[in-house]
Amino acid sequence: MVRLDVDPALLVETGEQRQLRTVLREVLSRSCGPGQVREQAASPRGFDRALWDRLAGEIGVHGLAIPQEYGGAGYTFAELAVALQETGRVLWPAPLLPTVVLAAEALLASGDRRACERGLPGIASGARTATVAGVLHPARVTAERGPEGWVLRGEADFVPDGEGADLLLVAARAPDGERLFACTPHAATCRRTARRVLDPTRRQALVRFAGAPADPVGAPGQAPAIAAAVLDAGRVALAAEHVGGSTHALDATLDYVSSRTQFGRKVGSFQAVKHRLADLLVAVEGARSASSYASACLAARRPELPVAASAAAVVCTGAYRLAVTEYVQLHGGIGFTWEHPAHLYVRRARADEALFGTADDQCPRLARLLGLARDGD
């Protein structure tokens, strides 16, 4: 059994965090309605750059969990989780997850001060978008020394925001071991092709490297450890987003059944509907608890993080799946139309299930971490 061994204060929302939530909800509610989200996702870059700059500059979202020495605000992931819940609530299609979570965590986990000094300030200010390649999925990328330094060859598929990111952090096989490289993509040496994916608010791409110049990040052989850290951070971040999305689905469904009338009665007054909403509320609150614990473990860099991250992934993914199912079904016929916002949430929930490993992947990992199974079982 995992013992809760984090500062209890990290599990309670602070006044600053509540203020951050209030400000973000107000801003995002005006800028990210369902129609606006569809328009942003269909735009050439896939998100509203003005809103991106505002959240980075005025509110400081991008630098919340980045140390002050690298241009960030010096808070913890607990504050960033609040922002992720709110962006997940409205399905903001901007590459916040790959930039401020995956790429930033990869740089910090490398322990390479020079790489952090070069990459993190731009991320914290919102001036640069970034992502990781060859970390979330197996890739065939090799690194070799050229006349002017390291170059990358090969390809990485389903790279989050791979088509538009300004900085790629690539896991590649080098002669001295598997390691991470920082690559600023150029069309001549880095071909990026958008993939057609289920969720239009979360873009992915195939990236082909043909002698792309790159700088090593961290030590040789460090890539697997960095990848493990990035994956756990991604699971915790995704859990926070799923809490936000599940909460929206519950609130929207409750509003609908409280106003919709059938057979002379409010739909929400039927006992069967009450039971389904009660079950959904229990699932959402359970997800909120799992996400809060995982965020606290990541904020405090606790050794329990791998267990907490996988547990949150299982619980929050399951709650989100249930939430979007009820979102569609309890809206009746209108909920099954493509024009209804529920389908954006269905697509996000289904696509996210496999982003950092499905529940079927996480459960055996949990068993191994808890000593209930051996490697290979």
Protein backbone atom coordinates (compact mmCIF):
# COMPACT_ATOMS: atom_id res chain seq x y z
CA MET A 1 0.00 0.00 0.00
CA VAL A 2 1.34 3.43 -0.96
CA ARG A 3 1.73 5.80 1.95
CA LEU A 4 0.75 9.43 1.43
CA ASP A 5 4.04 11.12 2.21
CA VAL A 6 3.75 14.61 0.79
CA ASP A 7 3.13 17.95 2.43
CA PRO A 8 -0.65 18.03 3.15
CA ALA A 9 -0.63 21.72 2.23
CA LEU A 10 0.05 20.73 -1.38
CA LEU A 11 -3.28 18.88 -1.47
CA VAL A 12 -5.30 21.96 -0.49
CA GLU A 13 -5.91 24.70 -3.01
CA THR A 14 -4.29 27.92 -1.84
CA GLY A 15 -5.66 31.42 -2.19
CA GLU A 16 -3.24 32.13 -5.04
CA GLN A 17 -4.33 28.98 -6.85
CA ARG A 18 -8.00 29.90 -6.46
CA GLN A 19 -7.27 33.36 -7.83
CA LEU A 20 -5.40 31.83 -10.76
CA ARG A 21 -8.35 29.53 -11.46
CA THR A 22 -10.80 32.43 -11.35
CA VAL A 23 -8.76 34.58 -13.73
CA LEU A 24 -8.16 31.74 -16.18
CA ARG A 25 -11.79 30.66 -16.20
CA GLU A 26 -12.90 34.20 -16.96
CA VAL A 27 -10.38 34.66 -19.78
CA LEU A 28 -10.92 31.24 -21.33
CA SER A 29 -14.71 31.41 -21.13
CA ARG A 30 -14.61 34.50 -23.35
CA SER A 31 -12.03 33.15 -25.80
CA CYS A 32 -12.64 29.39 -25.98
CA GLY A 33 -16.31 28.68 -26.52
CA PRO A 34 -17.03 25.56 -28.61
CA GLY A 35 -17.25 27.53 -31.84
CA GLN A 36 -14.06 29.42 -31.09
CA VAL A 37 -12.22 26.20 -30.27
CA ARG A 38 -13.28 24.69 -33.60
CA GLU A 39 -12.09 27.81 -35.44
CA GLN A 40 -8.74 27.82 -33.64
CA ALA A 41 -8.17 24.11 -34.26
CA ALA A 42 -8.89 24.59 -37.97
CA SER A 43 -6.53 27.58 -38.33
CA PRO A 44 -3.08 27.14 -39.93
CA ARG A 45 -1.24 27.01 -36.59
CA GLY A 46 -4.06 25.36 -34.67
CA PHE A 47 -4.51 27.87 -31.85
CA ASP A 48 -4.96 31.57 -31.07
CA ARG A 49 -1.46 33.02 -30.80
CA ALA A 50 -2.74 36.24 -29.21
CA LEU A 51 -4.35 34.24 -26.41
CA TRP A 52 -1.16 32.19 -26.03
CA ASP A 53 0.88 35.37 -25.62
CA ARG A 54 -1.62 36.82 -23.16
CA LEU A 55 -1.61 33.76 -20.91
CA ALA A 56 2.18 33.69 -21.02
CA GLY A 57 2.75 37.42 -20.55
CA GLU A 58 -0.11 38.76 -18.42
CA ILE A 59 -0.86 35.66 -16.34
CA GLY A 60 2.46 33.85 -16.52
CA VAL A 61 0.98 30.39 -17.10
CA HIS A 62 3.88 29.06 -19.17
CA GLY A 63 6.50 29.77 -16.53
CA LEU A 64 4.59 28.62 -13.44
CA ALA A 65 6.62 25.43 -12.89
CA ILE A 66 9.90 26.69 -14.37
CA PRO A 67 12.59 27.82 -11.89
CA GLN A 68 13.28 31.53 -11.63
CA GLU A 69 16.89 31.06 -12.73
CA TYR A 70 15.55 30.01 -16.14
CA GLY A 71 13.03 32.82 -16.50
CA GLY A 72 10.08 31.13 -14.82
CA ALA A 73 7.95 32.06 -11.83
CA GLY A 74 9.47 29.41 -9.58
CA TYR A 75 6.22 27.85 -8.41
CA THR A 76 5.52 24.11 -8.57
CA PHE A 77 3.49 21.75 -10.69
CA ALA A 78 0.60 22.22 -8.24
CA GLU A 79 0.04 25.69 -9.72
CA LEU A 80 0.49 24.48 -13.28
CA ALA A 81 -2.09 21.74 -12.63
CA VAL A 82 -4.68 24.43 -11.91
CA ALA A 83 -4.01 25.98 -15.32
CA LEU A 84 -4.16 22.56 -17.01
CA GLN A 85 -7.53 21.84 -15.43
CA GLU A 86 -8.92 25.09 -16.79
CA THR A 87 -7.49 24.64 -20.29
CA GLY A 88 -8.74 21.04 -20.28
CA ARG A 89 -12.17 22.28 -19.24
CA VAL A 90 -12.53 24.28 -22.48
CA LEU A 91 -10.31 22.09 -24.72
CA TRP A 92 -7.97 24.96 -25.55
CA PRO A 93 -6.15 23.59 -28.62
CA ALA A 94 -2.82 25.32 -27.94
CA PRO A 95 0.32 23.15 -27.44
CA LEU A 96 0.55 23.84 -23.72
CA LEU A 97 1.06 20.19 -22.80
CA PRO A 98 3.99 19.48 -25.16
CA THR A 99 5.64 22.84 -24.48
CA VAL A 100 5.40 23.59 -20.76
CA VAL A 101 5.13 19.98 -19.54
CA LEU A 102 6.88 17.55 -21.88
CA ALA A 103 9.67 19.73 -23.28
CA ALA A 104 10.25 21.66 -20.08
CA GLU A 105 10.40 18.46 -18.03
CA ALA A 106 12.83 16.91 -20.52
CA LEU A 107 15.21 19.85 -20.14
CA LEU A 108 14.93 19.93 -16.34
CA ALA A 109 15.32 16.16 -16.04
CA SER A 110 18.51 16.28 -18.11
CA GLY A 111 20.26 18.39 -15.47
CA ASP A 112 22.04 20.18 -18.32
CA ARG A 113 22.27 23.81 -17.19
CA ARG A 114 23.46 25.06 -20.57
CA ALA A 115 20.55 23.41 -22.38
CA CYS A 116 18.10 24.74 -19.78
CA GLU A 117 19.49 28.26 -20.12
CA ARG A 118 19.05 28.06 -23.88
CA GLY A 119 15.62 26.45 -23.97
CA LEU A 120 13.58 27.27 -20.87
CA PRO A 121 13.44 31.10 -20.96
CA GLY A 122 11.73 31.03 -24.35
CA ILE A 123 9.24 28.47 -23.09
CA ALA A 124 8.51 30.47 -19.93
CA SER A 125 7.93 33.69 -21.86
CA GLY A 126 5.73 32.06 -24.48
CA ALA A 127 8.11 33.12 -27.25
CA ARG A 128 8.88 29.52 -28.20
CA THR A 129 6.78 26.38 -28.54
CA ALA A 130 8.51 23.05 -28.02
CA THR A 131 7.88 19.32 -27.94
CA VAL A 132 9.58 15.95 -27.57
CA ALA A 133 10.18 13.37 -30.32
CA GLY A 134 11.05 9.72 -29.94
CA VAL A 135 10.10 9.87 -26.26
CA LEU A 136 6.41 8.97 -26.20
CA HIS A 137 6.65 6.33 -28.94
CA PRO A 138 9.51 4.17 -30.25
CA ALA A 139 11.40 5.97 -33.02
CA ARG A 140 14.16 5.29 -35.50
CA VAL A 141 16.38 8.32 -35.02
CA THR A 142 20.16 8.18 -34.97
CA ALA A 143 22.71 10.88 -34.19
CA GLU A 144 26.11 11.13 -35.79
CA ARG A 145 28.93 13.63 -35.74
CA GLY A 146 29.19 15.69 -38.88
CA PRO A 147 31.89 18.16 -39.95
CA GLU A 148 30.14 20.94 -38.02
CA GLY A 149 28.69 18.99 -35.12
CA TRP A 150 25.92 16.52 -34.39
CA VAL A 151 23.23 15.76 -36.99
CA LEU A 152 20.05 13.67 -36.77
CA ARG A 153 18.74 11.11 -39.23
CA GLY A 154 15.61 8.96 -39.19
CA GLU A 155 12.02 9.61 -38.23
CA ALA A 156 9.72 9.96 -35.24
CA ASP A 157 5.98 9.54 -35.61
CA PHE A 158 2.97 10.98 -33.78
CA VAL A 159 4.98 13.83 -32.30
CA PRO A 160 2.66 16.19 -30.34
CA ASP A 161 2.61 19.55 -32.13
CA GLY A 162 5.43 18.19 -34.25
CA GLU A 163 4.43 20.16 -37.33
CA GLY A 164 4.65 23.60 -35.74
CA ALA A 165 6.93 23.42 -32.69
CA ASP A 166 9.88 25.81 -32.67
CA LEU A 167 12.12 23.41 -30.72
CA LEU A 168 12.32 19.62 -30.87
CA LEU A 169 13.89 17.58 -28.06
CA VAL A 170 14.74 14.30 -29.73
CA ALA A 171 15.74 10.97 -28.21
CA ALA A 172 18.25 9.42 -30.59
CA ARG A 173 20.79 6.59 -30.71
CA ALA A 174 24.32 7.95 -30.75
CA PRO A 175 27.65 6.07 -30.87
CA ASP A 176 28.14 6.76 -27.15
CA GLY A 177 24.63 5.70 -26.10
CA GLU A 178 21.04 6.82 -26.36
CA ARG A 179 20.76 10.49 -25.52
CA LEU A 180 18.66 13.60 -25.96
CA PHE A 181 19.27 16.29 -28.59
CA ALA A 182 17.85 19.77 -29.07
CA CYS A 183 16.96 20.54 -32.68
CA THR A 184 15.65 23.76 -34.20
CA PRO A 185 13.82 22.42 -37.26
CA HIS A 186 14.50 23.79 -40.74
CA ALA A 187 12.64 22.71 -43.86
CA ALA A 188 15.82 21.63 -45.65
CA THR A 189 16.80 19.02 -43.08
CA CYS A 190 13.59 18.38 -41.12
CA ARG A 191 10.44 17.40 -42.97
CA ARG A 192 7.28 17.58 -40.87
CA THR A 193 3.98 16.05 -42.01
CA ALA A 194 0.74 16.49 -40.09
CA ARG A 195 -1.02 13.27 -39.16
CA ARG A 196 -4.78 12.92 -39.41
CA VAL A 197 -5.80 12.23 -35.82
CA LEU A 198 -9.04 11.67 -33.94
CA ASP A 199 -8.74 14.79 -31.79
CA PRO A 200 -8.43 17.97 -33.91
CA THR A 201 -7.49 20.01 -30.83
CA ARG A 202 -4.32 17.96 -30.23
CA ARG A 203 -2.17 17.97 -33.36
CA GLN A 204 0.47 15.33 -34.08
CA ALA A 205 2.97 14.88 -36.89
CA LEU A 206 5.49 12.61 -38.53
CA VAL A 207 8.96 14.19 -38.34
CA ARG A 208 11.73 13.05 -40.70
CA PHE A 209 15.31 14.13 -40.02
CA ALA A 210 17.76 14.29 -42.91
CA GLY A 211 20.98 15.55 -41.42
CA ALA A 212 19.27 18.02 -39.10
CA PRO A 213 21.79 19.93 -36.93
CA ALA A 214 21.32 19.28 -33.21
CA ASP A 215 22.94 19.95 -29.86
CA PRO A 216 23.32 17.19 -27.23
CA VAL A 217 21.34 17.59 -24.03
CA GLY A 218 22.53 15.83 -20.91
CA ALA A 219 24.90 12.90 -20.71
CA PRO A 220 25.23 9.86 -23.01
CA GLY A 221 22.85 7.04 -22.08
CA GLN A 222 20.55 9.41 -20.20
CA ALA A 223 17.64 9.36 -22.67
CA PRO A 224 15.71 6.43 -21.10
CA ALA A 225 15.69 8.09 -17.66
CA ILE A 226 14.61 11.41 -19.17
CA ALA A 227 11.87 9.65 -21.14
CA ALA A 228 10.56 7.99 -17.96
CA ALA A 229 10.43 11.36 -16.19
CA VAL A 230 8.69 13.01 -19.14
CA LEU A 231 6.10 10.24 -19.40
CA ASP A 232 5.21 10.46 -15.70
CA ALA A 233 4.96 14.25 -15.90
CA GLY A 234 2.76 13.87 -18.97
CA ARG A 235 0.47 11.41 -17.18
CA VAL A 236 0.05 13.79 -14.25
CA ALA A 237 -0.62 16.73 -16.57
CA LEU A 238 -3.12 14.74 -18.60
CA ALA A 239 -4.91 13.71 -15.40
CA ALA A 240 -5.34 17.38 -14.51
CA GLU A 241 -6.74 18.13 -17.97
CA HIS A 242 -9.13 15.21 -17.63
CA VAL A 243 -10.44 16.53 -14.33
CA GLY A 244 -11.24 19.80 -16.07
CA GLY A 245 -12.91 18.09 -19.02
CA SER A 246 -14.90 15.73 -16.78
CA THR A 247 -16.07 18.64 -14.64
CA HIS A 248 -17.28 20.49 -17.72
CA ALA A 249 -19.17 17.42 -18.95
CA LEU A 250 -20.83 16.95 -15.55
CA ASP A 251 -21.79 20.63 -15.24
CA ALA A 252 -23.12 20.85 -18.81
CA THR A 253 -25.16 17.67 -18.41
CA LEU A 254 -26.57 18.77 -15.07
CA ASP A 255 -27.61 22.12 -16.55
CA TYR A 256 -29.32 20.37 -19.47
CA VAL A 257 -31.32 17.81 -17.48
CA SER A 258 -32.33 20.53 -15.02
CA SER A 259 -34.00 22.54 -17.80
CA ARG A 260 -35.11 19.90 -20.33
CA THR A 261 -38.72 18.70 -19.93
CA GLN A 262 -40.19 15.33 -20.96
CA PHE A 263 -43.62 13.94 -20.10
CA GLY A 264 -44.33 17.11 -18.14
CA ARG A 265 -41.31 16.69 -15.84
CA LYS A 266 -37.72 17.86 -15.76
CA VAL A 267 -35.45 15.13 -17.10
CA GLY A 268 -33.27 15.49 -14.04
CA SER A 269 -36.14 14.53 -11.76
CA PHE A 270 -36.21 10.94 -13.06
CA GLN A 271 -34.65 8.52 -10.60
CA ALA A 272 -32.58 6.70 -13.22
CA VAL A 273 -31.02 9.98 -14.36
CA LYS A 274 -30.28 10.98 -10.76
CA HIS A 275 -28.46 7.69 -10.20
CA ARG A 276 -26.33 8.15 -13.31
CA LEU A 277 -25.38 11.68 -12.36
CA ALA A 278 -24.57 10.58 -8.81
CA ASP A 279 -22.29 7.85 -10.13
CA LEU A 280 -20.63 10.37 -12.41
CA LEU A 281 -20.09 12.82 -9.54
CA VAL A 282 -18.40 10.08 -7.49
CA ALA A 283 -16.13 9.23 -10.44
CA VAL A 284 -15.19 12.88 -11.04
CA GLU A 285 -14.41 13.51 -7.38
CA GLY A 286 -12.30 10.35 -7.27
CA ALA A 287 -10.41 11.60 -10.31
CA ARG A 288 -9.92 14.97 -8.64
CA SER A 289 -8.36 13.28 -5.61
CA ALA A 290 -6.09 11.06 -7.71
CA SER A 291 -4.98 14.04 -9.78
CA SER A 292 -4.35 16.18 -6.70
CA TYR A 293 -2.15 13.50 -5.13
CA ALA A 294 -0.20 12.95 -8.34
CA SER A 295 0.31 16.70 -8.79
CA ALA A 296 1.53 16.97 -5.19
CA CYS A 297 4.01 14.13 -5.77
CA LEU A 298 5.35 15.80 -8.91
CA ALA A 299 5.49 19.21 -7.22
CA ALA A 300 7.51 17.76 -4.32
CA ARG A 301 9.50 15.35 -6.56
CA ARG A 302 8.50 12.46 -4.34
CA PRO A 303 9.66 8.87 -5.01
CA GLU A 304 5.99 7.83 -5.05
CA LEU A 305 5.51 9.76 -8.31
CA PRO A 306 5.56 6.76 -10.70
CA VAL A 307 2.81 5.02 -8.71
CA ALA A 308 0.79 8.22 -8.34
CA ALA A 309 1.15 9.06 -12.03
CA SER A 310 -0.03 5.66 -13.25
CA ALA A 311 -2.87 5.56 -10.71
CA ALA A 312 -4.03 9.02 -11.77
CA ALA A 313 -3.85 7.97 -15.41
CA VAL A 314 -6.14 4.98 -14.78
CA VAL A 315 -8.62 6.80 -12.53
CA CYS A 316 -8.85 10.06 -14.47
CA THR A 317 -9.04 8.39 -17.86
CA GLY A 318 -11.88 6.19 -16.64
CA ALA A 319 -13.75 9.15 -15.16
CA TYR A 320 -13.34 11.14 -18.36
CA ARG A 321 -14.59 8.24 -20.47
CA LEU A 322 -17.69 7.94 -18.29
CA ALA A 323 -18.22 11.72 -18.26
CA VAL A 324 -18.21 12.11 -22.04
CA THR A 325 -20.45 9.06 -22.45
CA GLU A 326 -23.07 10.57 -20.14
CA TYR A 327 -22.53 13.97 -21.76
CA VAL A 328 -23.68 12.52 -25.08
CA GLN A 329 -26.37 10.14 -23.87
CA LEU A 330 -28.12 12.37 -21.33
CA HIS A 331 -28.41 15.14 -23.90
CA GLY A 332 -30.67 12.85 -25.89
CA GLY A 333 -30.85 13.16 -29.67
CA ILE A 334 -29.02 16.48 -29.81
CA GLY A 335 -26.06 14.96 -28.00
CA PHE A 336 -25.51 12.55 -30.89
CA THR A 337 -25.19 15.29 -33.52
CA TRP A 338 -21.71 16.20 -34.74
CA GLU A 339 -22.44 19.88 -34.16
CA HIS A 340 -22.86 19.45 -30.42
CA PRO A 341 -19.78 20.34 -28.29
CA ALA A 342 -19.95 16.94 -26.56
CA HIS A 343 -18.24 15.36 -29.55
CA LEU A 344 -15.15 17.51 -29.12
CA TYR A 345 -14.84 16.09 -25.61
CA VAL A 346 -15.49 12.54 -26.80
CA ARG A 347 -12.66 12.87 -29.31
CA ARG A 348 -10.28 14.35 -26.71
CA ALA A 349 -11.09 11.64 -24.16
CA ARG A 350 -10.70 8.76 -26.61
CA ALA A 351 -7.49 10.07 -28.15
CA ASP A 352 -5.92 10.84 -24.77
CA GLU A 353 -6.47 7.29 -23.54
CA ALA A 354 -3.50 6.10 -25.59
CA LEU A 355 -1.31 9.21 -25.43
CA PHE A 356 0.96 8.08 -22.55
CA GLY A 357 -0.14 4.46 -22.30
CA THR A 358 -3.62 3.03 -21.98
CA ALA A 359 -5.19 1.82 -18.74
CA ASP A 360 -4.26 -1.70 -19.86
CA ASP A 361 -0.64 -0.54 -19.91
CA GLN A 362 -0.81 1.30 -16.60
CA CYS A 363 -2.37 -1.47 -14.50
CA PRO A 364 0.48 -3.98 -15.03
CA ARG A 365 2.96 -1.15 -14.40
CA LEU A 366 1.22 -0.36 -11.13
CA ALA A 367 1.34 -4.01 -10.15
CA ARG A 368 5.10 -4.09 -10.76
CA LEU A 369 5.71 -0.82 -8.90
CA LEU A 370 3.72 -2.07 -5.92
CA GLY A 371 5.53 -5.40 -5.88
CA LEU A 372 2.47 -7.36 -6.91
CA ALA A 373 4.04 -8.61 -10.13
CA ARG A 374 7.49 -9.08 -11.57
CA ASP A 375 9.01 -7.54 -14.68
CA GLY A 376 7.78 -9.46 -17.69
CA ASP A 377 4.49 -10.47 -16.07
